[in-house]
Amino acid sequence: MSISAELVKALREKTGVGFMECKRALEEANGDLESAVTILRKKGFSAGAKKPDARPRKGLIAHMCTTGKSA
């Protein structure tokens, strides 16, 4: 069965799992999105497992104000 890129994209957005893992799960589930989610959970992938943390880890933000000017 041929799996469309749109279906893989929908599964990736729902679970946060990588492209190839989503494609394999959809092939195993014969294109059924809900079954693919179940398969990914059984394999140990949870929703958002590969999404990076949005918090900045390191860095410095500085702002300097002078008379009437900002830098």
Protein backbone atom coordinates (compact mmCIF):
# COMPACT_ATOMS: atom_id res chain seq x y z
CA MET A 1 0.00 0.00 0.00
CA SER A 2 1.28 3.45 -0.90
CA ILE A 3 1.27 5.95 1.97
CA SER A 4 0.74 9.59 1.02
CA ALA A 5 2.98 12.34 2.35
CA GLU A 6 -0.09 14.18 3.68
CA LEU A 7 -1.01 11.20 5.86
CA VAL A 8 2.54 10.94 7.20
CA LYS A 9 2.52 14.69 7.89
CA ALA A 10 -0.75 14.40 9.81
CA LEU A 11 0.67 11.59 11.95
CA ARG A 12 3.89 13.55 12.58
CA GLU A 13 1.92 16.61 13.70
CA LYS A 14 -0.21 14.47 15.99
CA THR A 15 2.65 12.53 17.59
CA GLY A 16 5.88 14.45 17.03
CA VAL A 17 7.65 11.28 15.88
CA GLY A 18 10.11 11.26 12.96
CA PHE A 19 9.08 10.87 9.33
CA MET A 20 10.35 7.34 8.70
CA GLU A 21 8.92 5.95 11.94
CA CYS A 22 5.53 7.46 11.06
CA LYS A 23 5.72 5.99 7.55
CA ARG A 24 6.59 2.52 8.88
CA ALA A 25 3.75 2.67 11.41
CA LEU A 26 1.26 3.74 8.72
CA GLU A 27 2.42 0.92 6.43
CA GLU A 28 1.99 -1.56 9.27
CA ALA A 29 -1.48 -0.13 10.03
CA ASN A 30 -2.48 -0.17 6.33
CA GLY A 31 -2.99 3.59 6.29
CA ASP A 32 -5.18 3.82 9.41
CA LEU A 33 -4.10 6.87 11.43
CA GLU A 34 -5.44 5.73 14.82
CA SER A 35 -3.91 2.28 14.49
CA ALA A 36 -0.59 3.89 13.57
CA VAL A 37 -0.70 5.98 16.75
CA THR A 38 -1.28 2.79 18.76
CA ILE A 39 1.61 1.06 16.99
CA LEU A 40 3.94 3.98 17.75
CA ARG A 41 2.95 3.89 21.42
CA LYS A 42 3.64 0.15 21.58
CA LYS A 43 7.08 0.78 20.06
CA GLY A 44 7.82 3.27 22.83
CA PHE A 45 7.20 6.55 21.06
CA SER A 46 5.02 8.95 22.97
CA ALA A 47 3.39 12.13 21.72
CA GLY A 48 5.97 14.89 21.67
CA ALA A 49 8.88 12.61 22.48
CA LYS A 50 11.12 14.06 19.79
CA LYS A 51 9.96 17.67 19.96
CA PRO A 52 12.66 19.95 21.28
CA ASP A 53 12.14 21.92 24.45
CA ALA A 54 11.18 25.49 23.56
CA ARG A 55 12.99 27.07 26.51
CA PRO A 56 16.30 28.76 25.76
CA ARG A 57 19.13 27.00 27.55
CA LYS A 58 21.87 29.61 27.30
CA GLY A 59 22.19 33.15 26.10
CA LEU A 60 22.17 36.75 27.08
CA ILE A 61 19.81 39.50 26.09
CA ALA A 62 20.93 43.07 26.65
CA HIS A 63 19.36 46.40 25.90
CA MET A 64 21.08 49.73 26.27
CA CYS A 65 19.24 53.04 26.33
CA THR A 66 20.86 56.44 26.05
CA THR A 67 19.36 59.87 25.78
CA GLY A 68 16.75 59.51 23.11
CA LYS A 69 18.44 56.59 21.41
CA SER A 70 18.13 52.88 21.75
CA ALA A 71 20.63 50.23 20.71
